[in-house]
């Protein structure tokens, strides 16, 4: 599964309902499928000057059984 997120030097973005955001670790980041890329691009363009090295990252998720 491929998901996308916004990442800055300070951390990943977790988007709030009011349009704000917090910087978090990868386990709390807002992630989007490919059809959400337009929203990510628009958000990146809006916030690009406020965060260091803001970029869209591609996350590849692989599910496997865990044997303890």
Protein backbone atom coordinates (compact mmCIF):
# COMPACT_ATOMS: atom_id res chain seq x y z
CA UNK A 1 0.00 0.00 0.00
CA UNK A 2 1.29 3.44 -0.92
CA UNK A 3 0.40 6.46 1.24
CA UNK A 4 1.63 10.05 1.17
CA UNK A 5 2.37 12.54 3.93
CA UNK A 6 3.85 15.99 4.47
CA UNK A 7 7.21 16.07 6.22
CA UNK A 8 9.38 18.96 7.37
CA UNK A 9 12.74 18.91 9.10
CA UNK A 10 10.90 19.25 12.41
CA UNK A 11 8.58 16.25 11.85
CA UNK A 12 5.51 14.99 10.01
CA UNK A 13 2.33 17.06 9.82
CA UNK A 14 -0.83 15.98 11.58
CA UNK A 15 -3.65 18.06 10.15
CA UNK A 16 -6.38 19.44 12.40
CA UNK A 17 -10.02 19.89 11.41
CA UNK A 18 -9.67 23.68 11.70
CA UNK A 19 -6.94 23.73 9.03
CA UNK A 20 -4.08 23.93 11.51
CA UNK A 21 -1.44 21.29 12.12
CA UNK A 22 0.97 19.85 14.65
CA UNK A 23 4.38 18.35 14.05
CA UNK A 24 4.47 14.69 15.12
CA UNK A 25 6.30 11.41 14.63
CA UNK A 26 5.47 9.11 11.73
CA UNK A 27 3.07 7.07 13.89
CA UNK A 28 0.75 10.10 14.31
CA UNK A 29 1.10 11.70 10.87
CA UNK A 30 -1.83 12.44 8.60
CA UNK A 31 -1.50 10.13 5.60
CA UNK A 32 -3.38 10.14 2.31
CA UNK A 33 -3.91 7.74 -0.59
CA UNK A 34 -2.90 8.77 -4.10
CA UNK A 35 -6.26 10.49 -4.72
CA UNK A 36 -5.39 12.89 -1.88
CA UNK A 37 -2.25 14.23 -3.55
CA UNK A 38 -3.96 17.38 -4.83
CA UNK A 39 -4.88 18.30 -1.25
CA UNK A 40 -1.30 17.63 -0.11
CA UNK A 41 0.16 19.76 -2.89
CA UNK A 42 -2.19 22.64 -2.01
CA UNK A 43 -1.32 22.37 1.69
CA UNK A 44 2.41 22.23 0.89
CA UNK A 45 2.10 25.36 -1.26
CA UNK A 46 0.22 27.18 1.54
CA UNK A 47 2.68 26.21 4.30
CA UNK A 48 5.94 25.99 2.35
CA UNK A 49 7.35 29.26 3.71
CA UNK A 50 6.52 28.43 7.34
CA UNK A 51 8.36 25.10 7.69
CA UNK A 52 11.92 24.02 6.90
CA UNK A 53 12.24 21.66 3.91
CA UNK A 54 8.52 20.90 3.70
CA UNK A 55 7.99 18.09 1.22
CA UNK A 56 5.62 15.31 0.26
CA UNK A 57 6.93 11.85 1.13
CA UNK A 58 5.78 8.49 -0.21
CA UNK A 59 5.27 5.81 2.43
CA UNK A 60 5.17 2.15 1.44
CA UNK A 61 3.24 0.00 3.87
CA UNK A 62 3.73 -3.76 3.85
CA UNK A 63 1.64 -6.10 5.97
CA UNK A 64 3.11 -9.43 7.05
CA UNK A 65 2.28 -11.83 9.84
CA UNK A 66 4.37 -11.33 12.96
CA UNK A 67 5.70 -14.44 14.63
CA UNK A 68 6.90 -13.79 18.18
